[in-house]
Protein backbone atom coordinates (compact mmCIF):
# COMPACT_ATOMS: atom_id res chain seq x y z
CA MET A 1 22.59 29.15 81.72
CA GLN A 2 20.51 28.24 78.41
CA ARG A 3 21.40 31.15 75.42
CA SER A 4 18.44 32.78 73.71
CA PRO A 5 18.31 32.49 70.35
CA ILE A 6 19.39 35.34 68.21
CA PRO A 7 16.80 36.81 66.50
CA ALA A 8 16.56 36.48 62.46
CA PRO A 9 18.27 39.29 60.78
CA SER A 10 15.57 41.94 58.71
CA LEU A 11 17.28 43.13 55.41
CA GLY A 12 16.52 46.48 54.48
CA VAL A 13 17.26 47.49 50.56
CA LEU A 14 17.32 51.47 49.43
CA VAL A 15 16.68 51.95 45.94
CA PRO A 16 17.57 55.38 44.79
CA CYS A 17 16.36 57.00 41.89
CA ARG A 18 16.32 59.52 39.63
CA ASN A 19 14.18 59.71 36.29
CA GLU A 20 14.24 56.27 36.27
CA ALA A 21 10.74 55.04 34.86
CA ARG A 22 12.02 53.18 32.09
CA VAL A 23 13.56 50.65 34.50
CA VAL A 24 12.24 50.90 38.04
CA GLU A 25 9.39 48.25 37.70
CA ARG A 26 12.37 45.83 36.31
CA LYS A 27 14.58 46.82 39.64
CA LEU A 28 11.43 46.06 41.90
CA GLU A 29 10.78 42.59 40.10
CA ASP A 30 14.41 41.75 39.92
CA LEU A 31 13.99 42.32 44.06
CA LEU A 32 10.67 40.50 44.46
CA ALA A 33 12.62 37.13 42.89
CA GLN A 34 15.53 36.96 45.26
CA ARG A 35 15.42 34.77 48.06
CA TRP A 36 15.37 36.38 51.26
CA PRO A 37 16.21 34.98 54.70
CA ALA A 38 13.54 33.75 56.99
CA SER A 39 12.79 36.85 59.37
CA ARG A 40 10.35 37.14 61.90
CA ARG A 41 10.73 40.89 61.07
CA PRO A 42 9.47 41.91 57.61
CA HIS A 43 12.60 43.03 55.46
CA ARG A 44 12.24 46.39 53.65
CA VAL A 45 12.79 47.96 50.42
CA VAL A 46 12.64 51.68 50.11
CA VAL A 47 12.83 53.36 46.98
CA VAL A 48 14.30 57.20 47.45
CA ASP A 49 12.85 59.16 44.83
CA ASP A 50 15.43 62.32 43.92
CA GLN A 51 12.52 64.69 41.99
CA SER A 52 11.95 62.76 39.06
CA GLU A 53 10.35 64.68 37.01
CA ASP A 54 9.03 61.63 34.95
CA ALA A 55 6.70 58.81 36.34
CA THR A 56 9.58 57.00 38.74
CA ALA A 57 7.58 57.37 42.16
CA GLU A 58 3.71 56.62 40.57
CA LEU A 59 5.32 53.34 39.44
CA ALA A 60 7.51 52.74 42.51
CA ARG A 61 4.53 53.23 44.36
CA ALA A 62 2.51 50.91 42.25
CA MET A 63 4.67 48.45 43.22
CA THR A 64 3.93 47.86 46.93
CA PRO A 65 0.86 45.44 46.97
CA ARG A 66 3.45 42.89 45.64
CA PHE A 67 6.26 43.44 47.99
CA GLU A 68 3.51 43.67 50.53
CA ALA A 69 2.04 40.44 49.98
CA ARG A 70 5.13 38.80 50.49
């Protein structure tokens, strides 16, 4: 009996943020620069914004197209 191949893992990264407008883009750029393993399913990066009072959420959202292009 032949075994079916094990599917390649899909990774998920949570990025907790609160009032991190100064650094959120750099954090996400660092994640984009990593070598991610090949996978049939997309990897996910989720930014969790804890009611920031600055532009953290907007800056993180603006990075979305760069992650989708990968």
